[in-house]
Amino acid sequence: MHSNNLTRRQLLAGASAAGSLLFAPGFSSAALAIPDSPILLEARPGKANLLDTTLSETSIWGFEGVVPGPIIRAKRGSEVWVRLKNSLPQPTTVHWHGIRIDNAMDGVAGLTQDPVPPGETFDYRFKVPDAGTYWYHPHNRSWEQLARGLYGTLVVEEPDTPDFDQDIIAVMDDWRLGEDGAIDEKSMGSIRDRAHAGRLGNILSVNGRPKGKFPVRSGERIRLRMINTCNARILKLRFEDLNPQVIALDGQPVSPYALDHGLVTIAPAQRVDLLIDMTGAPGVTHAITEVSQRRLVTATLEYSRQSTLPARPSQLELPGNGLKQPVIASSRKVDLIMSGGAMGQAEKITFKGKTYDLRQLVREHGQVWAFNGNAGMPKLPLFSAKQGESIAVRMVNETRWPHAMHFHGHHFKEAAQNAPWRDTLLMQADETRTVYLHADNPGKWMIHCHMLEHQAGGMGTWFEVKA
């Protein structure tokens, strides 16, 4: 077993940290130059201890049979070569979430590739242009396959290793389990989940275990990479007696800023990188609690009793990735209007060329949401852009529910000064927000809600960038 908790010294040496408790059980290191052989990544059934060591393990689907799947690491600008083997009973793919990837490697079944049948393989080979925290997951029956545990972390390292003593990954998920500890399969894709908030679990996990325990040393500076892999839950996390600083969002660096009252909100698919100076005394424990519904300790930072290290007086800011700025003043405007769902006002929705009232659409096709009056992936793109064109997408949430809006192949930003780059934006009910993107990556790219039951229920469209 290998740890996903790496010391700065080990990072500099290019080695993986070995043997620790409650961390991701797999680790794969991608080559820094052009690889001469692929990383093998098998999607297959496995087991996870999601409740307690005294109880039976839960049957899951995982890459390499574990959850989360192996961590893949690469240097910015290097090539990643992964060979997916599908040992599941249904077709699957791998989508490399947040990477500005070659379109053919984006992993969206029906748009960029055919799904990989059971027993078959598919090679993903691409360069990683941006350092940061990313993840990978299927894009075929996502609502089911992610709920079963099929996802992993992709870390793209900066050319020069930042000055951290530890680089810690916290992959957070919620699970809907029955009293027997098994995944509740009967409720998967239910119309109730599709029409409301999505599939919300009753058990939280960190790195595939019921609670994360991260050993630290007083005086250390740590980088904590937090990833929300939940199907639909918006995580609200509080850091007790600590002063974390946000240094990256969705993989892209930001000017460091402190959390408001130690609280951070992470929507499904979003990532937040934090810098934390460990200022507690040896033997102290700091809790990370999830407070969206009730206070629940999800992880702890536990100080060893070793002597205190000298504190770092200087600030740290990650180097930017050089994304091209959209030209806001001349951006072409496109509307994306969200409608439908429980308590929604949508009267007529078009699905596969035929118009329905909402009740009929739900009854006949299980579709309950719409973009611009259309449910599901339309034949025509939301917009078609020339390579290098700036696009302003005005998103209007006319529903009674929040939506985590994800754009493939690009990052975007709002117009406010110093607005961060994002690939996933949380839209609250009745909210309107405009995002700008520089359409520089040719191909057909999906836009969808990353509340995965909402995507399955109709919230998906696409855009095209022509070279």
Protein backbone atom coordinates (compact mmCIF):
# COMPACT_ATOMS: atom_id res chain seq x y z
CA MET A 1 0.00 0.00 0.00
CA HIS A 2 1.24 3.48 -0.85
CA SER A 3 0.29 6.78 0.75
CA ASN A 4 -1.05 9.85 -1.04
CA ASN A 5 0.54 11.95 1.68
CA LEU A 6 3.90 13.10 0.32
CA THR A 7 6.63 14.98 2.13
CA ARG A 8 8.45 17.75 0.34
CA ARG A 9 11.70 15.81 0.55
CA GLN A 10 10.08 12.78 -1.09
CA LEU A 11 8.55 14.93 -3.81
CA LEU A 12 11.94 16.40 -4.59
CA ALA A 13 13.36 12.92 -4.80
CA GLY A 14 10.53 11.84 -7.11
CA ALA A 15 9.51 9.02 -4.78
CA SER A 16 6.09 8.03 -3.45
CA ALA A 17 5.50 7.98 0.27
CA ALA A 18 5.03 4.50 1.67
CA GLY A 19 2.69 2.84 4.11
CA SER A 20 0.29 4.91 6.20
CA LEU A 21 -3.21 4.74 7.60
CA LEU A 22 -6.46 5.85 5.97
CA PHE A 23 -5.08 7.15 2.69
CA ALA A 24 -5.83 6.19 -0.90
CA PRO A 25 -4.71 2.60 -1.40
CA GLY A 26 -3.22 3.05 -4.88
CA PHE A 27 -0.52 5.14 -6.46
CA SER A 28 0.74 5.33 -10.03
CA SER A 29 3.50 7.67 -11.09
CA ALA A 30 3.33 9.00 -14.65
CA ALA A 31 6.62 9.54 -16.48
CA LEU A 32 7.95 13.07 -16.80
CA ALA A 33 8.93 12.63 -20.45
CA ILE A 34 7.17 10.77 -23.27
CA PRO A 35 6.29 7.39 -21.72
CA ASP A 36 7.34 4.21 -23.51
CA SER A 37 4.55 2.16 -21.98
CA PRO A 38 1.07 2.96 -20.63
CA ILE A 39 -0.16 3.12 -17.08
CA LEU A 40 -2.61 0.23 -16.78
CA LEU A 41 -5.95 1.25 -15.29
CA GLU A 42 -8.52 -1.50 -14.85
CA ALA A 43 -12.13 -0.64 -14.01
CA ARG A 44 -13.42 -3.60 -12.00
CA PRO A 45 -15.44 -4.60 -8.95
CA GLY A 46 -13.75 -4.33 -5.56
CA LYS A 47 -14.30 -3.79 -1.85
CA ALA A 48 -14.13 -0.73 0.41
CA ASN A 49 -14.41 -0.31 4.16
CA LEU A 50 -16.87 2.58 4.24
CA LEU A 51 -18.30 2.03 7.71
CA ASP A 52 -16.11 0.40 10.32
CA THR A 53 -13.39 -2.22 10.47
CA THR A 54 -15.65 -4.52 12.49
CA LEU A 55 -18.27 -4.64 9.71
CA SER A 56 -18.23 -6.35 6.35
CA GLU A 57 -16.77 -4.40 3.45
CA THR A 58 -18.95 -2.74 0.83
CA SER A 59 -18.89 -3.99 -2.75
CA ILE A 60 -17.86 -1.13 -5.05
CA TRP A 61 -16.61 -0.49 -8.56
CA GLY A 62 -13.17 1.08 -8.66
CA PHE A 63 -10.22 1.70 -10.88
CA GLU A 64 -7.88 -1.14 -9.94
CA GLY A 65 -10.73 -2.29 -7.70
CA VAL A 66 -10.11 0.40 -5.08
CA VAL A 67 -11.73 3.71 -4.17
CA PRO A 68 -10.45 6.23 -4.88
CA GLY A 69 -8.47 4.79 -7.78
CA PRO A 70 -4.71 5.15 -8.19
CA ILE A 71 -3.24 8.64 -8.03
CA ILE A 72 -1.65 9.56 -11.35
CA ARG A 73 1.07 12.21 -11.20
CA ALA A 74 2.73 14.05 -14.06
CA LYS A 75 4.78 17.21 -14.56
CA ARG A 76 3.18 20.14 -16.36
CA GLY A 77 3.73 19.81 -20.10
CA SER A 78 4.48 16.08 -19.97
CA GLU A 79 2.54 13.32 -21.67
CA VAL A 80 0.23 10.90 -19.89
CA TRP A 81 -0.52 7.51 -21.40
CA VAL A 82 -3.19 5.42 -19.71
CA ARG A 83 -4.64 2.14 -20.97
CA LEU A 84 -8.15 1.59 -19.66
CA LYS A 85 -9.27 -2.02 -19.34
CA ASN A 86 -12.98 -2.43 -18.78
CA SER A 87 -13.72 -5.37 -16.47
CA LEU A 88 -17.17 -4.07 -15.53
CA PRO A 89 -20.50 -5.55 -16.65
CA GLN A 90 -21.36 -2.38 -18.64
CA PRO A 91 -19.52 0.01 -21.00
CA THR A 92 -17.45 2.83 -19.53
CA THR A 93 -14.97 5.61 -20.37
CA VAL A 94 -12.50 7.88 -18.56
CA HIS A 95 -13.05 11.65 -18.53
CA TRP A 96 -10.07 13.70 -17.34
CA HIS A 97 -11.90 16.37 -15.43
CA GLY A 98 -10.54 19.90 -15.71
CA ILE A 99 -7.70 19.10 -18.11
CA ARG A 100 -7.59 21.21 -21.29
CA ILE A 101 -7.18 18.03 -23.22
CA ASP A 102 -7.17 16.93 -26.87
CA ASN A 103 -10.85 16.49 -27.76
CA ALA A 104 -10.51 12.82 -28.80
CA MET A 105 -9.21 12.01 -25.29
CA ASP A 106 -12.01 13.75 -23.33
CA GLY A 107 -13.87 10.50 -22.67
CA VAL A 108 -17.47 11.58 -23.28
CA ALA A 109 -19.45 8.61 -24.60
CA GLY A 110 -21.47 9.56 -27.66
CA LEU A 111 -19.66 12.86 -28.25
CA THR A 112 -15.89 12.28 -28.31
CA GLN A 113 -15.71 8.47 -28.34
CA ASP A 114 -17.73 5.29 -28.25
CA PRO A 115 -18.00 3.77 -24.78
CA VAL A 116 -15.52 0.99 -24.10
CA PRO A 117 -17.38 -2.36 -23.99
CA PRO A 118 -16.81 -4.92 -21.23
CA GLY A 119 -13.58 -6.83 -21.84
CA GLU A 120 -12.14 -4.19 -24.17
CA THR A 121 -9.37 -1.59 -23.75
CA PHE A 122 -8.86 2.01 -24.81
CA ASP A 123 -5.67 4.09 -24.75
CA TYR A 124 -5.81 7.69 -23.48
CA ARG A 125 -2.71 9.61 -24.48
CA PHE A 126 -2.49 13.37 -23.95
CA LYS A 127 -0.33 16.23 -22.69
CA VAL A 128 -1.16 18.03 -19.47
CA PRO A 129 -0.80 21.79 -20.04
CA ASP A 130 -1.70 23.06 -16.57
CA ALA A 131 -0.32 22.26 -13.13
CA GLY A 132 -2.93 21.65 -10.47
CA THR A 133 -5.40 19.26 -8.87
CA TYR A 134 -7.62 17.31 -11.26
CA TRP A 135 -9.49 14.01 -11.24
CA TYR A 136 -10.76 11.31 -13.53
CA HIS A 137 -14.09 9.51 -13.71
CA PRO A 138 -16.36 7.77 -16.24
CA HIS A 139 -18.61 9.68 -18.62
CA ASN A 140 -21.00 6.86 -19.40
CA ARG A 141 -23.82 6.22 -16.93
CA SER A 142 -21.94 8.62 -14.66
CA TRP A 143 -24.79 8.78 -12.17
CA GLU A 144 -24.36 5.05 -11.47
CA GLN A 145 -20.66 4.46 -11.99
CA LEU A 146 -19.53 7.32 -9.73
CA ALA A 147 -22.04 6.31 -7.08
CA ARG A 148 -20.33 2.91 -7.08
CA GLY A 149 -16.88 4.48 -6.54
CA LEU A 150 -15.34 4.80 -10.00
CA TYR A 151 -12.99 7.81 -9.82
CA GLY A 152 -9.40 8.80 -9.00
CA THR A 153 -7.02 11.74 -8.73
CA LEU A 154 -4.75 13.27 -11.36
CA VAL A 155 -2.10 15.64 -9.97
CA VAL A 156 -0.13 17.77 -12.42
CA GLU A 157 2.94 19.08 -10.64
CA GLU A 158 4.54 22.49 -11.08
CA PRO A 159 7.90 22.59 -12.92
CA ASP A 160 9.56 23.65 -9.66
CA THR A 161 8.25 21.93 -6.54
CA PRO A 162 6.60 24.48 -4.20
CA ASP A 163 7.89 24.78 -0.64
CA PHE A 164 5.55 22.43 1.24
CA ASP A 165 6.48 19.82 3.82
CA GLN A 166 3.50 17.65 2.88
CA ASP A 167 1.23 17.38 -0.15
CA ILE A 168 -2.02 15.78 1.10
CA ILE A 169 -4.98 14.68 -1.00
CA ALA A 170 -8.49 14.43 0.46
CA VAL A 171 -10.99 12.84 -1.92
CA MET A 172 -14.43 13.34 -0.39
CA ASP A 173 -17.57 11.41 -1.29
CA ASP A 174 -20.94 10.49 0.12
CA TRP A 175 -22.55 7.07 -0.21
CA ARG A 176 -26.12 5.85 0.04
CA LEU A 177 -25.85 2.59 1.96
CA GLY A 178 -28.43 0.25 3.40
CA GLU A 179 -28.39 -1.16 6.91
CA ASP A 180 -26.38 -4.11 5.61
CA GLY A 181 -23.60 -1.73 4.47
CA ALA A 182 -24.31 -2.39 0.78
CA ILE A 183 -24.82 0.36 -1.79
CA ASP A 184 -28.50 1.13 -2.29
CA GLU A 185 -28.79 0.08 -5.93
CA LYS A 186 -32.58 0.26 -6.26
CA SER A 187 -32.58 4.05 -5.87
CA MET A 188 -29.92 4.67 -8.51
CA GLY A 189 -31.20 7.07 -11.15
CA SER A 190 -34.58 7.42 -9.44
CA ILE A 191 -36.89 10.11 -10.75
CA ARG A 192 -37.09 11.60 -7.26
CA ASP A 193 -33.33 12.15 -7.18
CA ARG A 194 -33.36 13.47 -10.75
CA ALA A 195 -36.10 16.00 -10.01
CA HIS A 196 -34.80 17.20 -6.65
CA ALA A 197 -31.27 17.71 -5.27
CA GLY A 198 -29.72 14.59 -6.81
CA ARG A 199 -28.44 11.45 -5.09
CA LEU A 200 -27.46 12.40 -1.54
CA GLY A 201 -25.73 9.76 0.55
CA ASN A 202 -26.01 8.91 4.23
CA ILE A 203 -22.30 8.14 4.75
CA LEU A 204 -19.34 10.44 4.11
CA SER A 205 -15.88 9.13 3.24
CA VAL A 206 -12.42 10.60 2.88
CA ASN A 207 -10.10 8.64 0.59
CA GLY A 208 -12.48 5.68 0.74
CA ARG A 209 -12.63 5.46 4.53
CA PRO A 210 -15.16 6.76 7.08
CA LYS A 211 -12.73 9.37 8.40
CA GLY A 212 -9.42 10.78 7.21
CA LYS A 213 -6.52 10.95 9.66
CA PHE A 214 -3.59 13.02 8.46
CA PRO A 215 -0.41 13.07 10.58
CA VAL A 216 1.33 16.45 10.71
CA ARG A 217 4.14 18.07 12.65
CA SER A 218 4.00 21.40 14.43
CA GLY A 219 5.60 24.05 12.24
CA GLU A 220 4.94 22.23 8.95
CA ARG A 221 3.45 23.94 5.92
CA ILE A 222 1.06 21.59 4.14
CA ARG A 223 -0.77 21.66 0.84
CA LEU A 224 -4.22 20.11 1.18
CA ARG A 225 -5.87 19.19 -2.13
CA MET A 226 -9.61 18.72 -1.57
CA ILE A 227 -11.80 17.08 -4.23
CA ASN A 228 -15.59 16.73 -4.09
CA THR A 229 -16.52 13.52 -5.94
CA CYS A 230 -20.08 13.35 -4.58
CA ASN A 231 -22.86 12.77 -7.09
CA ALA A 232 -24.76 15.81 -5.84
CA ARG A 233 -23.81 16.93 -2.30
CA ILE A 234 -22.46 20.44 -1.84
CA LEU A 235 -19.82 20.12 0.88
CA LYS A 236 -19.46 22.84 3.48
CA LEU A 237 -16.28 22.24 5.45
CA ARG A 238 -15.07 24.04 8.54
CA PHE A 239 -11.46 24.02 9.74
CA GLU A 240 -11.34 24.33 13.49
CA ASP A 241 -8.61 26.44 15.13
CA LEU A 242 -6.73 26.83 11.85
CA ASN A 243 -6.26 29.60 9.31
CA PRO A 244 -6.09 27.95 5.87
CA GLN A 245 -5.45 30.01 2.77
CA VAL A 246 -6.93 29.18 -0.63
CA ILE A 247 -4.12 28.92 -3.22
CA ALA A 248 -5.91 27.23 -6.15
CA LEU A 249 -9.45 26.57 -7.39
CA ASP A 250 -10.28 23.84 -9.92
CA GLY A 251 -6.55 23.40 -10.50
CA GLN A 252 -5.81 27.04 -11.32
CA PRO A 253 -3.73 29.18 -8.92
CA VAL A 254 -5.24 32.21 -7.19
CA SER A 255 -3.70 34.99 -5.11
CA PRO A 256 -3.81 33.47 -1.61
CA TYR A 257 -6.70 34.49 0.60
CA ALA A 258 -7.97 33.32 3.97
CA LEU A 259 -11.17 31.37 4.43
CA ASP A 260 -14.10 33.28 5.89
CA HIS A 261 -14.46 31.95 9.44
CA GLY A 262 -12.55 28.83 8.42
CA LEU A 263 -15.38 27.69 6.11
CA VAL A 264 -15.09 26.51 2.50
CA THR A 265 -17.88 25.40 0.14
CA ILE A 266 -17.04 22.81 -2.52
CA ALA A 267 -19.67 21.87 -5.09
CA PRO A 268 -19.62 18.47 -6.83
CA ALA A 269 -16.55 18.17 -9.14
CA GLN A 270 -14.85 21.26 -7.73
CA ARG A 271 -11.38 21.23 -6.18
CA VAL A 272 -9.83 23.56 -3.63
CA ASP A 273 -6.12 23.66 -2.77
CA LEU A 274 -5.31 25.05 0.67
CA LEU A 275 -2.08 26.18 2.28
CA ILE A 276 -2.10 25.48 6.00
CA ASP A 277 0.67 26.42 8.41
CA MET A 278 0.44 23.94 11.27
CA THR A 279 0.70 26.23 14.29
CA GLY A 280 -0.63 23.89 16.98
CA ALA A 281 1.47 22.30 19.68
CA PRO A 282 2.76 18.72 19.49
CA GLY A 283 -0.01 16.24 20.37
CA VAL A 284 -2.90 18.56 19.35
CA THR A 285 -5.64 17.48 16.92
CA HIS A 286 -7.52 19.79 14.52
CA ALA A 287 -10.89 18.66 13.14
CA ILE A 288 -12.31 19.25 9.68
CA THR A 289 -16.11 19.13 9.99
CA GLU A 290 -18.87 18.96 7.38
CA VAL A 291 -21.61 21.39 8.44
CA SER A 292 -24.11 21.51 5.54
CA GLN A 293 -26.74 19.64 7.57
CA ARG A 294 -25.19 18.72 10.91
CA ARG A 295 -21.71 18.96 12.34
CA LEU A 296 -19.84 15.80 11.34
CA VAL A 297 -16.11 15.30 11.79
CA THR A 298 -14.85 14.07 8.43
CA ALA A 299 -11.10 14.30 8.95
CA THR A 300 -8.49 15.25 11.51
CA LEU A 301 -5.02 16.74 11.31
CA GLU A 302 -3.13 15.04 14.12
CA TYR A 303 0.15 16.44 15.39
CA SER A 304 2.94 14.10 16.28
CA ARG A 305 4.79 14.64 19.53
CA GLN A 306 7.98 15.54 17.72
CA SER A 307 9.57 18.87 18.48
CA THR A 308 8.26 21.93 16.67
CA LEU A 309 9.74 22.92 13.31
CA PRO A 310 10.57 26.59 12.70
CA ALA A 311 7.64 28.48 11.17
CA ARG A 312 7.90 29.94 7.66
CA PRO A 313 7.55 33.74 7.73
CA SER A 314 7.11 34.20 3.98
CA GLN A 315 3.93 33.93 1.90
CA LEU A 316 3.63 31.39 -0.93
CA GLU A 317 1.88 31.86 -4.26
CA LEU A 318 1.71 29.19 -6.94
CA PRO A 319 2.90 30.06 -10.46
CA GLY A 320 0.16 30.66 -13.02
CA ASN A 321 -0.51 28.36 -15.95
CA GLY A 322 -0.64 31.09 -18.57
CA LEU A 323 -4.27 30.68 -19.66
CA LYS A 324 -5.27 33.19 -22.34
CA GLN A 325 -7.65 35.84 -21.09
CA PRO A 326 -11.02 36.23 -22.83
CA VAL A 327 -11.68 39.66 -24.33
CA ILE A 328 -14.69 40.58 -22.26
CA ALA A 329 -15.69 43.71 -24.17
CA SER A 330 -15.96 41.93 -27.52
CA SER A 331 -17.22 38.53 -26.30
CA ARG A 332 -20.11 37.04 -28.25
CA LYS A 333 -23.09 36.56 -25.95
CA VAL A 334 -24.85 33.21 -25.54
CA ASP A 335 -27.71 32.41 -23.16
CA LEU A 336 -28.04 29.16 -21.20
CA ILE A 337 -31.41 29.08 -19.45
CA MET A 338 -32.04 26.30 -16.91
CA SER A 339 -35.60 25.15 -16.30
CA GLY A 340 -37.58 22.20 -14.98
CA GLY A 341 -37.19 20.03 -11.90
CA ALA A 342 -39.47 19.70 -8.91
CA MET A 343 -41.45 22.89 -8.29
CA GLY A 344 -40.16 24.20 -11.61
CA GLN A 345 -42.11 26.45 -13.96
CA ALA A 346 -41.27 24.74 -17.27
CA GLU A 347 -44.42 24.16 -19.34
CA LYS A 348 -43.07 22.74 -22.61
CA ILE A 349 -39.76 20.94 -23.15
CA THR A 350 -38.34 19.51 -26.37
CA PHE A 351 -36.67 16.09 -26.29
CA LYS A 352 -35.25 14.46 -29.42
CA GLY A 353 -37.22 16.78 -31.66
CA LYS A 354 -40.62 16.29 -29.98
CA THR A 355 -42.25 18.72 -27.55
CA TYR A 356 -43.83 17.52 -24.29
CA ASP A 357 -45.34 18.99 -21.21
CA LEU A 358 -43.18 18.27 -18.18
CA ARG A 359 -45.39 15.57 -16.67
CA GLN A 360 -45.54 13.67 -19.95
CA LEU A 361 -41.77 13.99 -20.47
CA VAL A 362 -41.08 12.60 -17.00
CA ARG A 363 -43.53 9.75 -17.44
CA GLU A 364 -42.34 8.68 -20.89
CA HIS A 365 -38.62 9.45 -20.87
CA GLY A 366 -37.49 10.19 -17.31
CA GLN A 367 -36.33 13.65 -18.37
CA VAL A 368 -37.10 16.53 -16.02
CA TRP A 369 -34.63 19.36 -16.76
CA ALA A 370 -33.92 21.55 -19.78
CA PHE A 371 -31.36 23.97 -21.18
CA ASN A 372 -33.00 26.60 -23.40
CA GLY A 373 -36.13 24.45 -23.51
CA ASN A 374 -34.31 21.28 -24.64
CA ALA A 375 -33.77 18.16 -22.54
CA GLY A 376 -30.75 15.96 -23.13
CA MET A 377 -27.96 16.37 -25.66
CA PRO A 378 -29.30 18.26 -28.69
CA LYS A 379 -28.25 17.67 -32.30
CA LEU A 380 -27.09 21.26 -32.69
CA PRO A 381 -24.49 22.87 -30.39
CA LEU A 382 -25.32 25.62 -27.93
CA PHE A 383 -22.83 27.69 -29.91
CA SER A 384 -20.11 27.24 -32.49
CA ALA A 385 -16.98 29.35 -32.01
CA LYS A 386 -13.94 30.08 -34.10
CA GLN A 387 -10.68 29.13 -32.45
CA GLY A 388 -9.50 32.13 -30.44
CA GLU A 389 -12.95 33.70 -30.13
CA SER A 390 -14.17 35.00 -26.77
CA ILE A 391 -17.61 33.79 -25.67
CA ALA A 392 -19.82 35.15 -22.86
CA VAL A 393 -22.26 32.55 -21.54
CA ARG A 394 -25.06 34.08 -19.49
CA MET A 395 -26.38 31.30 -17.26
CA VAL A 396 -29.84 31.81 -15.78
CA ASN A 397 -31.05 29.34 -13.16
CA GLU A 398 -34.85 29.48 -13.29
CA THR A 399 -35.17 26.32 -11.17
CA ARG A 400 -35.62 25.86 -7.44
CA TRP A 401 -32.35 23.92 -7.07
CA PRO A 402 -28.61 24.62 -7.24
CA HIS A 403 -26.58 23.32 -10.17
CA ALA A 404 -22.81 22.74 -10.51
CA MET A 405 -22.20 23.80 -14.12
CA HIS A 406 -19.15 22.16 -15.72
CA PHE A 407 -17.52 23.11 -19.04
CA HIS A 408 -15.29 20.56 -20.74
CA GLY A 409 -11.96 21.37 -22.36
CA HIS A 410 -11.80 24.97 -21.12
CA HIS A 411 -11.63 27.11 -18.04
CA PHE A 412 -13.75 30.23 -17.71
CA LYS A 413 -14.02 33.25 -15.46
CA GLU A 414 -16.43 36.00 -14.50
CA ALA A 415 -15.85 39.67 -15.29
CA ALA A 416 -15.00 40.86 -11.78
CA GLN A 417 -11.43 41.94 -11.23
CA ASN A 418 -9.24 39.05 -10.08
CA ALA A 419 -12.06 36.58 -10.72
CA PRO A 420 -10.66 33.04 -10.52
CA TRP A 421 -10.53 30.58 -13.37
CA ARG A 422 -13.00 27.73 -12.87
CA ASP A 423 -14.15 24.66 -14.77
CA THR A 424 -17.21 24.13 -12.54
CA LEU A 425 -19.41 26.94 -11.18
CA LEU A 426 -22.07 26.54 -8.49
CA MET A 427 -25.30 28.24 -9.56
CA GLN A 428 -27.82 28.88 -6.80
CA ALA A 429 -31.58 28.84 -7.37
CA ASP A 430 -32.89 31.94 -9.18
CA GLU A 431 -29.32 33.13 -9.83
CA THR A 432 -27.92 34.68 -13.02
CA ARG A 433 -24.18 34.72 -13.73
CA THR A 434 -22.13 35.37 -16.85
CA VAL A 435 -18.87 33.54 -17.52
CA TYR A 436 -16.29 34.24 -20.21
CA LEU A 437 -14.08 31.75 -21.99
CA HIS A 438 -11.36 31.94 -24.60
CA ALA A 439 -12.40 29.25 -27.07
CA ASP A 440 -8.95 28.01 -28.00
CA ASN A 441 -9.34 24.22 -27.80
CA PRO A 442 -10.78 22.72 -31.02
CA GLY A 443 -13.45 20.04 -30.85
CA LYS A 444 -16.88 19.22 -29.49
CA TRP A 445 -17.17 19.94 -25.77
CA MET A 446 -19.88 19.12 -23.28
CA ILE A 447 -21.55 21.51 -20.82
CA HIS A 448 -23.61 19.89 -18.08
CA CYS A 449 -24.70 20.00 -14.49
CA HIS A 450 -22.37 17.92 -12.33
CA MET A 451 -25.20 17.01 -10.02
CA LEU A 452 -25.11 13.78 -12.00
CA GLU A 453 -28.80 12.93 -11.63
CA HIS A 454 -29.59 16.35 -13.10
CA GLN A 455 -27.36 15.56 -16.09
CA ALA A 456 -29.11 12.20 -16.50
CA GLY A 457 -32.45 14.01 -16.24
CA GLY A 458 -31.75 16.37 -19.13
CA MET A 459 -29.13 18.98 -18.14
CA GLY A 460 -26.59 18.42 -20.90
CA THR A 461 -25.57 20.32 -24.02
CA TRP A 462 -22.41 20.94 -26.03
CA PHE A 463 -20.45 23.55 -27.92
CA GLU A 464 -18.01 23.39 -30.78
CA VAL A 465 -14.69 25.15 -31.36
CA LYS A 466 -13.61 25.14 -34.99
CA ALA A 467 -9.92 25.37 -35.85
